[in-house]
Amino acid sequence: MIGADHPVVVGSVLFTDLVGFTEYNEAVGDIEALRVLDEQRSLVDGHLDGQDARLVKEIGDGLMIWIGSAVGALSIATCLLEAFVGIHTSGTFPLAVRMGMHHGESIARGDDLVGQTVNVAARISALAGPGELLVSQELLAACGSHAQASLRPVGPVLVKGLLHPVWLHRFATS
């Protein structure tokens, strides 16, 4: 039952994924793989500190993040991507990251979030390439005139499980 126990929250959901983590874990072992996950967590926590944002959960080598404002979400996500690309390019972080984000209503279930906004964000993340952030048109619409010009339209994309295409926009540091 939706109500006081399961309030509806409006915001942006960002998913991250470390590209090639399973193969990396196989090659270097669990201890080194855990070190990489800890480094990822530290980097993300530093970018969320003091923001209307929180890490919802760790999902294997990926993260689910909620951000209260669409403009804040776009800012946090692009800064995170630039930070990840920077440490990956410099050789201090072994893996590239891919990210996807959507904006809308989610249902709080304890500390977790569920609902179609979460589902769409996860599917968008899976479509992103290494070093890429894909965001939905809904997120850009919620940003209004504050949307960044560095986003390039991808167009409508069929997303697994959805009847209608999702309009996506791409941000990449290169």
N, C-alpha and C. Protein backbone atom coordinates (compact mmCIF):
# COMPACT_ATOMS: atom_id res chain seq x y z
N MET A 1 0.84 -1.18 0.00
CA MET A 1 0.00 0.00 0.00
C MET A 1 0.88 1.24 0.00
N ILE A 2 0.60 2.16 -0.90
CA ILE A 2 1.33 3.41 -0.95
C ILE A 2 0.68 4.36 0.04
N GLY A 3 1.48 5.04 0.79
CA GLY A 3 0.99 5.96 1.82
C GLY A 3 2.16 6.38 2.67
N ALA A 4 1.91 6.52 3.96
CA ALA A 4 2.96 6.97 4.87
C ALA A 4 4.15 6.01 4.88
N ASP A 5 3.89 4.71 4.74
CA ASP A 5 4.98 3.73 4.76
C ASP A 5 5.78 3.71 3.47
N HIS A 6 5.16 4.16 2.38
CA HIS A 6 5.80 4.15 1.06
C HIS A 6 5.51 5.46 0.33
N PRO A 7 6.13 6.54 0.77
CA PRO A 7 5.86 7.83 0.12
C PRO A 7 6.44 7.91 -1.29
N VAL A 8 5.81 8.74 -2.09
CA VAL A 8 6.30 9.01 -3.44
C VAL A 8 7.30 10.15 -3.35
N VAL A 9 8.45 9.98 -3.99
CA VAL A 9 9.47 11.03 -4.03
C VAL A 9 9.73 11.38 -5.49
N VAL A 10 9.97 12.66 -5.74
CA VAL A 10 10.29 13.10 -7.08
C VAL A 10 11.76 13.46 -7.11
N GLY A 11 12.45 12.96 -8.11
CA GLY A 11 13.87 13.24 -8.26
C GLY A 11 14.45 12.47 -9.41
N SER A 12 15.76 12.48 -9.48
CA SER A 12 16.47 11.80 -10.56
C SER A 12 17.16 10.57 -10.01
N VAL A 13 17.13 9.51 -10.79
CA VAL A 13 17.80 8.27 -10.42
C VAL A 13 18.95 8.06 -11.40
N LEU A 14 20.15 7.90 -10.84
CA LEU A 14 21.37 7.69 -11.61
C LEU A 14 21.93 6.32 -11.30
N PHE A 15 22.22 5.56 -12.34
CA PHE A 15 22.90 4.28 -12.18
C PHE A 15 24.29 4.39 -12.78
N THR A 16 25.26 3.78 -12.09
CA THR A 16 26.61 3.66 -12.62
C THR A 16 26.94 2.19 -12.78
N ASP A 17 27.87 1.90 -13.65
CA ASP A 17 28.32 0.53 -13.87
C ASP A 17 29.79 0.57 -14.28
N LEU A 18 30.61 -0.25 -13.66
CA LEU A 18 32.01 -0.35 -14.04
C LEU A 18 32.13 -1.34 -15.19
N VAL A 19 32.61 -0.87 -16.32
CA VAL A 19 32.69 -1.66 -17.54
C VAL A 19 33.81 -2.70 -17.41
N GLY A 20 33.47 -3.96 -17.60
CA GLY A 20 34.46 -5.03 -17.56
C GLY A 20 34.85 -5.48 -16.16
N PHE A 21 34.02 -5.18 -15.17
CA PHE A 21 34.38 -5.50 -13.79
C PHE A 21 34.53 -7.00 -13.55
N THR A 22 33.63 -7.80 -14.10
CA THR A 22 33.69 -9.25 -13.87
C THR A 22 35.01 -9.83 -14.39
N GLU A 23 35.41 -9.42 -15.59
CA GLU A 23 36.67 -9.89 -16.14
C GLU A 23 37.85 -9.38 -15.31
N TYR A 24 37.77 -8.13 -14.87
CA TYR A 24 38.82 -7.56 -14.03
C TYR A 24 38.93 -8.34 -12.73
N ASN A 25 37.80 -8.63 -12.10
CA ASN A 25 37.78 -9.40 -10.85
C ASN A 25 38.41 -10.77 -11.06
N GLU A 26 38.10 -11.40 -12.17
CA GLU A 26 38.68 -12.72 -12.49
C GLU A 26 40.20 -12.62 -12.61
N ALA A 27 40.68 -11.55 -13.23
CA ALA A 27 42.12 -11.40 -13.48
C ALA A 27 42.91 -11.03 -12.23
N VAL A 28 42.33 -10.20 -11.35
CA VAL A 28 43.12 -9.68 -10.22
C VAL A 28 42.73 -10.25 -8.87
N GLY A 29 41.59 -10.91 -8.79
CA GLY A 29 41.15 -11.48 -7.52
C GLY A 29 40.24 -10.55 -6.74
N ASP A 30 39.61 -11.12 -5.73
CA ASP A 30 38.59 -10.42 -4.97
C ASP A 30 39.12 -9.23 -4.17
N ILE A 31 40.29 -9.36 -3.58
CA ILE A 31 40.82 -8.29 -2.73
C ILE A 31 41.06 -7.02 -3.55
N GLU A 32 41.72 -7.16 -4.70
CA GLU A 32 41.96 -5.99 -5.55
C GLU A 32 40.65 -5.44 -6.11
N ALA A 33 39.72 -6.32 -6.47
CA ALA A 33 38.42 -5.87 -6.97
C ALA A 33 37.68 -5.09 -5.89
N LEU A 34 37.76 -5.54 -4.66
CA LEU A 34 37.12 -4.83 -3.55
C LEU A 34 37.76 -3.45 -3.36
N ARG A 35 39.06 -3.34 -3.54
CA ARG A 35 39.74 -2.06 -3.44
C ARG A 35 39.18 -1.08 -4.48
N VAL A 36 38.93 -1.56 -5.68
CA VAL A 36 38.37 -0.72 -6.75
C VAL A 36 36.96 -0.27 -6.37
N LEU A 37 36.17 -1.17 -5.81
CA LEU A 37 34.82 -0.80 -5.39
C LEU A 37 34.87 0.25 -4.27
N ASP A 38 35.81 0.09 -3.35
CA ASP A 38 35.97 1.08 -2.28
C ASP A 38 36.38 2.44 -2.84
N GLU A 39 37.25 2.43 -3.82
CA GLU A 39 37.68 3.68 -4.45
C GLU A 39 36.52 4.35 -5.18
N GLN A 40 35.72 3.54 -5.87
CA GLN A 40 34.53 4.08 -6.54
C GLN A 40 33.59 4.72 -5.52
N ARG A 41 33.36 4.01 -4.44
CA ARG A 41 32.44 4.51 -3.40
C ARG A 41 32.95 5.81 -2.81
N SER A 42 34.24 5.90 -2.55
CA SER A 42 34.84 7.10 -1.99
C SER A 42 34.68 8.29 -2.94
N LEU A 43 34.92 8.07 -4.22
CA LEU A 43 34.78 9.12 -5.21
C LEU A 43 33.33 9.63 -5.26
N VAL A 44 32.39 8.71 -5.29
CA VAL A 44 30.98 9.08 -5.37
C VAL A 44 30.54 9.80 -4.09
N ASP A 45 30.92 9.27 -2.94
CA ASP A 45 30.54 9.91 -1.67
C ASP A 45 31.03 11.35 -1.63
N GLY A 46 32.23 11.60 -2.13
CA GLY A 46 32.77 12.95 -2.15
C GLY A 46 31.96 13.90 -3.01
N HIS A 47 31.38 13.40 -4.08
CA HIS A 47 30.56 14.25 -4.96
C HIS A 47 29.14 14.45 -4.43
N LEU A 48 28.68 13.54 -3.58
CA LEU A 48 27.32 13.65 -3.04
C LEU A 48 27.27 14.45 -1.75
N ASP A 49 28.42 14.57 -1.09
CA ASP A 49 28.51 15.27 0.19
C ASP A 49 27.95 16.69 0.09
N GLY A 50 27.00 17.02 0.96
CA GLY A 50 26.44 18.36 0.99
C GLY A 50 25.39 18.63 -0.07
N GLN A 51 25.04 17.63 -0.86
CA GLN A 51 24.04 17.79 -1.92
C GLN A 51 22.71 17.17 -1.47
N ASP A 52 21.64 17.53 -2.16
CA ASP A 52 20.35 16.88 -1.95
C ASP A 52 20.38 15.58 -2.75
N ALA A 53 21.20 14.65 -2.26
CA ALA A 53 21.45 13.41 -2.99
C ALA A 53 21.89 12.34 -1.99
N ARG A 54 21.69 11.09 -2.40
CA ARG A 54 22.16 9.99 -1.54
C ARG A 54 22.42 8.74 -2.37
N LEU A 55 23.35 7.97 -1.88
CA LEU A 55 23.58 6.65 -2.45
C LEU A 55 22.47 5.75 -1.93
N VAL A 56 21.66 5.23 -2.83
CA VAL A 56 20.55 4.36 -2.44
C VAL A 56 21.09 2.97 -2.13
N LYS A 57 21.92 2.44 -3.05
CA LYS A 57 22.47 1.11 -2.81
C LYS A 57 23.59 0.81 -3.79
N GLU A 58 24.40 -0.15 -3.37
CA GLU A 58 25.42 -0.72 -4.24
C GLU A 58 24.82 -1.99 -4.84
N ILE A 59 25.02 -2.17 -6.13
CA ILE A 59 24.49 -3.33 -6.84
C ILE A 59 25.68 -3.97 -7.55
N GLY A 60 26.33 -4.91 -6.91
CA GLY A 60 27.54 -5.48 -7.48
C GLY A 60 28.58 -4.39 -7.65
N ASP A 61 29.00 -4.15 -8.89
CA ASP A 61 29.97 -3.10 -9.18
C ASP A 61 29.31 -1.78 -9.58
N GLY A 62 28.00 -1.72 -9.50
CA GLY A 62 27.27 -0.51 -9.86
C GLY A 62 26.67 0.16 -8.64
N LEU A 63 26.23 1.38 -8.85
CA LEU A 63 25.61 2.16 -7.80
C LEU A 63 24.28 2.72 -8.28
N MET A 64 23.35 2.85 -7.35
CA MET A 64 22.08 3.53 -7.61
C MET A 64 22.06 4.77 -6.71
N ILE A 65 21.90 5.93 -7.32
CA ILE A 65 21.96 7.20 -6.62
C ILE A 65 20.67 7.97 -6.88
N TRP A 66 20.14 8.61 -5.85
CA TRP A 66 18.97 9.48 -5.99
C TRP A 66 19.41 10.92 -5.75
N ILE A 67 18.93 11.83 -6.60
CA ILE A 67 19.26 13.24 -6.50
C ILE A 67 17.95 14.03 -6.59
N GLY A 68 17.72 14.91 -5.63
CA GLY A 68 16.44 15.61 -5.51
C GLY A 68 16.11 16.57 -6.63
N SER A 69 17.09 17.19 -7.23
CA SER A 69 16.83 18.19 -8.27
C SER A 69 17.39 17.71 -9.60
N ALA A 70 16.65 17.92 -10.68
CA ALA A 70 17.13 17.52 -12.00
C ALA A 70 18.39 18.29 -12.38
N VAL A 71 18.42 19.58 -12.09
CA VAL A 71 19.60 20.39 -12.40
C VAL A 71 20.79 19.90 -11.58
N GLY A 72 20.57 19.63 -10.30
CA GLY A 72 21.62 19.09 -9.46
C GLY A 72 22.08 17.73 -9.94
N ALA A 73 21.14 16.92 -10.40
CA ALA A 73 21.47 15.58 -10.89
C ALA A 73 22.38 15.66 -12.11
N LEU A 74 22.05 16.55 -13.02
CA LEU A 74 22.87 16.69 -14.22
C LEU A 74 24.27 17.18 -13.87
N SER A 75 24.34 18.10 -12.94
CA SER A 75 25.63 18.62 -12.50
C SER A 75 26.46 17.54 -11.81
N ILE A 76 25.84 16.82 -10.88
CA ILE A 76 26.56 15.76 -10.16
C ILE A 76 27.00 14.67 -11.12
N ALA A 77 26.11 14.23 -12.00
CA ALA A 77 26.44 13.14 -12.92
C ALA A 77 27.57 13.51 -13.87
N THR A 78 27.54 14.71 -14.41
CA THR A 78 28.61 15.10 -15.35
C THR A 78 29.94 15.27 -14.60
N CYS A 79 29.90 15.82 -13.40
CA CYS A 79 31.14 15.93 -12.60
C CYS A 79 31.69 14.54 -12.24
N LEU A 80 30.79 13.63 -11.88
CA LEU A 80 31.22 12.26 -11.58
C LEU A 80 31.85 11.61 -12.80
N LEU A 81 31.20 11.75 -13.95
CA LEU A 81 31.74 11.14 -15.16
C LEU A 81 33.13 11.71 -15.47
N GLU A 82 33.26 13.01 -15.40
CA GLU A 82 34.57 13.63 -15.66
C GLU A 82 35.62 13.13 -14.68
N ALA A 83 35.25 12.96 -13.42
CA ALA A 83 36.20 12.46 -12.41
C ALA A 83 36.60 11.02 -12.73
N PHE A 84 35.63 10.18 -13.07
CA PHE A 84 35.93 8.79 -13.40
C PHE A 84 36.81 8.70 -14.65
N VAL A 85 36.46 9.47 -15.66
CA VAL A 85 37.26 9.45 -16.89
C VAL A 85 38.67 9.93 -16.61
N GLY A 86 38.79 10.95 -15.77
CA GLY A 86 40.11 11.48 -15.43
C GLY A 86 40.99 10.46 -14.74
N ILE A 87 40.46 9.76 -13.75
CA ILE A 87 41.30 8.79 -13.03
C ILE A 87 41.54 7.54 -13.87
N HIS A 88 40.59 7.22 -14.76
CA HIS A 88 40.80 6.08 -15.64
C HIS A 88 41.88 6.40 -16.68
N THR A 89 41.78 7.57 -17.28
CA THR A 89 42.74 8.00 -18.30
C THR A 89 44.15 8.13 -17.72
N SER A 90 44.24 8.59 -16.49
CA SER A 90 45.56 8.76 -15.85
C SER A 90 46.17 7.43 -15.43
N GLY A 91 45.37 6.37 -15.45
CA GLY A 91 45.87 5.05 -15.08
C GLY A 91 45.74 4.73 -13.60
N THR A 92 45.13 5.63 -12.83
CA THR A 92 44.99 5.36 -11.39
C THR A 92 43.72 4.59 -11.05
N PHE A 93 42.84 4.43 -12.01
CA PHE A 93 41.62 3.64 -11.81
C PHE A 93 41.51 2.71 -13.02
N PRO A 94 41.40 1.41 -12.81
CA PRO A 94 41.55 0.46 -13.92
C PRO A 94 40.37 0.33 -14.88
N LEU A 95 39.20 0.81 -14.51
CA LEU A 95 38.02 0.55 -15.33
C LEU A 95 37.29 1.83 -15.72
N ALA A 96 36.64 1.78 -16.87
CA ALA A 96 35.78 2.88 -17.31
C ALA A 96 34.41 2.71 -16.65
N VAL A 97 33.68 3.80 -16.58
CA VAL A 97 32.33 3.77 -16.03
C VAL A 97 31.34 4.13 -17.12
N ARG A 98 30.13 3.59 -17.00
CA ARG A 98 29.00 4.01 -17.84
C ARG A 98 27.89 4.42 -16.89
N MET A 99 27.08 5.40 -17.33
CA MET A 99 26.05 5.93 -16.45
C MET A 99 24.77 6.22 -17.23
N GLY A 100 23.64 6.10 -16.53
CA GLY A 100 22.35 6.42 -17.12
C GLY A 100 21.45 7.05 -16.07
N MET A 101 20.61 8.00 -16.52
CA MET A 101 19.79 8.74 -15.56
C MET A 101 18.43 9.09 -16.14
N HIS A 102 17.43 9.06 -15.26
CA HIS A 102 16.05 9.38 -15.61
C HIS A 102 15.45 10.17 -14.45
N HIS A 103 14.44 10.97 -14.73
CA HIS A 103 13.81 11.81 -13.71
C HIS A 103 12.33 11.50 -13.64
N GLY A 104 11.80 11.47 -12.43
CA GLY A 104 10.38 11.25 -12.24
C GLY A 104 10.07 10.83 -10.82
N GLU A 105 8.92 10.22 -10.65
CA GLU A 105 8.48 9.76 -9.34
C GLU A 105 8.99 8.35 -9.07
N SER A 106 9.39 8.13 -7.83
CA SER A 106 9.76 6.80 -7.35
C SER A 106 9.03 6.58 -6.03
N ILE A 107 8.94 5.35 -5.64
CA ILE A 107 8.29 5.02 -4.37
C ILE A 107 9.38 4.59 -3.39
N ALA A 108 9.38 5.24 -2.23
CA ALA A 108 10.34 4.89 -1.18
C ALA A 108 9.84 3.63 -0.49
N ARG A 109 10.75 2.69 -0.35
CA ARG A 109 10.45 1.43 0.33
C ARG A 109 11.59 1.22 1.32
N GLY A 110 11.42 1.76 2.50
CA GLY A 110 12.53 1.82 3.44
C GLY A 110 13.57 2.77 2.88
N ASP A 111 14.83 2.35 2.83
CA ASP A 111 15.89 3.17 2.24
C ASP A 111 15.98 3.01 0.73
N ASP A 112 15.26 2.05 0.18
CA ASP A 112 15.32 1.75 -1.24
C ASP A 112 14.29 2.59 -2.00
N LEU A 113 14.45 2.62 -3.32
CA LEU A 113 13.48 3.25 -4.21
C LEU A 113 13.07 2.23 -5.25
N VAL A 114 11.79 2.22 -5.60
CA VAL A 114 11.28 1.33 -6.63
C VAL A 114 10.35 2.11 -7.54
N GLY A 115 10.03 1.53 -8.67
CA GLY A 115 9.09 2.14 -9.59
C GLY A 115 9.66 2.27 -10.99
N GLN A 116 8.84 2.77 -11.88
CA GLN A 116 9.21 2.84 -13.28
C GLN A 116 10.36 3.79 -13.55
N THR A 117 10.48 4.88 -12.79
CA THR A 117 11.62 5.78 -12.96
C THR A 117 12.92 5.03 -12.71
N VAL A 118 12.94 4.21 -11.70
CA VAL A 118 14.13 3.40 -11.38
C VAL A 118 14.39 2.40 -12.50
N ASN A 119 13.35 1.74 -12.97
CA ASN A 119 13.50 0.76 -14.04
C ASN A 119 14.08 1.40 -15.30
N VAL A 120 13.53 2.56 -15.68
CA VAL A 120 13.99 3.23 -16.90
C VAL A 120 15.44 3.69 -16.75
N ALA A 121 15.79 4.24 -15.59
CA ALA A 121 17.17 4.68 -15.36
C ALA A 121 18.15 3.51 -15.49
N ALA A 122 17.78 2.36 -14.95
CA ALA A 122 18.65 1.18 -15.05
C ALA A 122 18.81 0.74 -16.51
N ARG A 123 17.74 0.75 -17.26
CA ARG A 123 17.81 0.36 -18.67
C ARG A 123 18.65 1.36 -19.49
N ILE A 124 18.52 2.64 -19.18
CA ILE A 124 19.31 3.65 -19.87
C ILE A 124 20.79 3.44 -19.59
N SER A 125 21.13 3.17 -18.35
CA SER A 125 22.53 2.93 -17.97
C SER A 125 23.12 1.77 -18.77
N ALA A 126 22.34 0.73 -18.96
CA ALA A 126 22.83 -0.44 -19.69
C ALA A 126 23.14 -0.12 -21.16
N LEU A 127 22.54 0.96 -21.69
CA LEU A 127 22.77 1.34 -23.08
C LEU A 127 24.01 2.22 -23.27
N ALA A 128 24.50 2.80 -22.19
CA ALA A 128 25.63 3.72 -22.27
C ALA A 128 26.93 2.96 -22.58
N GLY A 129 27.82 3.63 -23.28
CA GLY A 129 29.12 3.07 -23.57
C GLY A 129 30.12 3.48 -22.49
N PRO A 130 31.32 2.94 -22.54
CA PRO A 130 32.36 3.33 -21.57
C PRO A 130 32.61 4.84 -21.65
N GLY A 131 32.68 5.47 -20.48
CA GLY A 131 32.94 6.91 -20.44
C GLY A 131 31.78 7.75 -20.92
N GLU A 132 30.57 7.23 -20.80
CA GLU A 132 29.39 7.92 -21.35
C GLU A 132 28.28 8.00 -20.31
N LEU A 133 27.56 9.11 -20.35
CA LEU A 133 26.36 9.33 -19.55
C LEU A 133 25.21 9.53 -20.52
N LEU A 134 24.16 8.73 -20.38
CA LEU A 134 22.94 8.91 -21.15
C LEU A 134 21.85 9.40 -20.21
N VAL A 135 21.10 10.42 -20.64
CA VAL A 135 20.02 10.95 -19.82
C VAL A 135 18.75 11.02 -20.67
N SER A 136 17.63 10.89 -19.99
CA SER A 136 16.34 10.91 -20.67
C SER A 136 15.87 12.33 -20.95
N GLN A 137 14.98 12.44 -21.91
CA GLN A 137 14.37 13.72 -22.23
C GLN A 137 13.60 14.26 -21.03
N GLU A 138 13.03 13.36 -20.22
CA GLU A 138 12.30 13.80 -19.03
C GLU A 138 13.23 14.53 -18.06
N LEU A 139 14.45 14.07 -17.95
CA LEU A 139 15.41 14.75 -17.09
C LEU A 139 15.71 16.14 -17.64
N LEU A 140 15.96 16.23 -18.94
CA LEU A 140 16.24 17.54 -19.54
C LEU A 140 15.06 18.48 -19.41
N ALA A 141 13.86 17.96 -19.59
CA ALA A 141 12.66 18.80 -19.46
C ALA A 141 12.55 19.33 -18.03
N ALA A 142 12.88 18.51 -17.05
CA ALA A 142 12.83 18.95 -15.66
C ALA A 142 13.90 20.00 -15.35
N CYS A 143 14.98 20.00 -16.14
CA CYS A 143 16.03 21.02 -15.97
C CYS A 143 15.63 22.37 -16.55
N GLY A 144 14.70 22.36 -17.49
CA GLY A 144 14.25 23.59 -18.12
C GLY A 144 15.41 24.29 -18.82
N SER A 145 15.51 25.57 -18.63
CA SER A 145 16.54 26.36 -19.31
C SER A 145 17.94 26.13 -18.73
N HIS A 146 18.03 25.34 -17.67
CA HIS A 146 19.32 25.08 -17.04
C HIS A 146 20.03 23.85 -17.60
N ALA A 147 19.46 23.24 -18.63
CA ALA A 147 20.08 22.06 -19.23
C ALA A 147 21.41 22.45 -19.88
N GLN A 148 22.36 21.56 -19.81
CA GLN A 148 23.69 21.84 -20.34
C GLN A 148 23.74 21.68 -21.84
N ALA A 149 24.44 22.61 -22.49
CA ALA A 149 24.58 22.57 -23.94
C ALA A 149 25.50 21.43 -24.39
N SER A 150 26.28 20.89 -23.47
CA SER A 150 27.23 19.84 -23.84
C SER A 150 26.56 18.48 -24.04
N LEU A 151 25.26 18.41 -23.84
CA LEU A 151 24.52 17.18 -24.11
C LEU A 151 24.14 17.15 -25.59
N ARG A 152 24.31 16.01 -26.20
CA ARG A 152 23.98 15.84 -27.62
C ARG A 152 22.83 14.85 -27.75
N PRO A 153 21.83 15.18 -28.57
CA PRO A 153 20.70 14.26 -28.73
C PRO A 153 21.13 12.95 -29.38
N VAL A 154 20.62 11.87 -28.85
CA VAL A 154 20.80 10.54 -29.44
C VAL A 154 19.57 10.21 -30.26
N GLY A 155 18.41 10.62 -29.75
CA GLY A 155 17.14 10.34 -30.41
C GLY A 155 16.36 9.30 -29.67
N PRO A 156 15.28 8.83 -30.29
CA PRO A 156 14.46 7.81 -29.63
C PRO A 156 15.14 6.44 -29.69
N VAL A 157 15.15 5.76 -28.55
CA VAL A 157 15.80 4.45 -28.45
C VAL A 157 14.82 3.47 -27.83
N LEU A 158 14.71 2.31 -28.45
CA LEU A 158 13.88 1.26 -27.86
C LEU A 158 14.62 0.69 -26.66
N VAL A 159 13.92 0.64 -25.55
CA VAL A 159 14.49 0.18 -24.30
C VAL A 159 13.77 -1.10 -23.89
N LYS A 160 14.54 -2.10 -23.52
CA LYS A 160 13.97 -3.40 -23.14
C LYS A 160 12.86 -3.22 -22.11
N GLY A 161 11.72 -3.83 -22.39
CA GLY A 161 10.62 -3.82 -21.45
C GLY A 161 9.65 -2.67 -21.59
N LEU A 162 9.96 -1.68 -22.42
CA LEU A 162 9.08 -0.53 -22.59
C LEU A 162 8.42 -0.57 -23.97
N LEU A 163 7.16 -0.16 -24.02
CA LEU A 163 6.44 -0.16 -25.29
C LEU A 163 6.86 0.97 -26.21
N HIS A 164 7.21 2.12 -25.62
CA HIS A 164 7.53 3.30 -26.41
C HIS A 164 9.01 3.64 -26.27
N PRO A 165 9.60 4.19 -27.33
CA PRO A 165 11.01 4.58 -27.26
C PRO A 165 11.23 5.67 -26.21
N VAL A 166 12.44 5.70 -25.70
CA VAL A 166 12.85 6.74 -24.76
C VAL A 166 13.80 7.67 -25.50
N TRP A 167 13.52 8.97 -25.43
CA TRP A 167 14.40 9.95 -26.06
C TRP A 167 15.60 10.17 -25.15
N LEU A 168 16.78 9.96 -25.71
CA LEU A 168 18.01 10.06 -24.93
C LEU A 168 18.92 11.17 -25.42
N HIS A 169 19.75 11.63 -24.50
CA HIS A 169 20.78 12.62 -24.78
C HIS A 169 22.07 12.10 -24.17
N ARG A 170 23.18 12.42 -24.80
CA ARG A 170 24.49 11.86 -24.44
C ARG A 170 25.43 12.95 -23.96
N PHE A 171 26.15 12.63 -22.88
CA PHE A 171 27.26 13.45 -22.43
C PHE A 171 28.48 12.57 -22.36
N ALA A 172 29.51 12.97 -23.00
CA ALA A 172 30.79 12.25 -22.91
C ALA A 172 31.89 13.29 -22.81
N THR A 173 32.95 12.95 -22.13
CA THR A 173 34.02 13.89 -21.93
C THR A 173 34.89 14.06 -23.17
N SER A 174 34.78 13.13 -24.11
CA SER A 174 35.60 13.24 -25.33
C SER A 174 34.77 13.59 -26.53
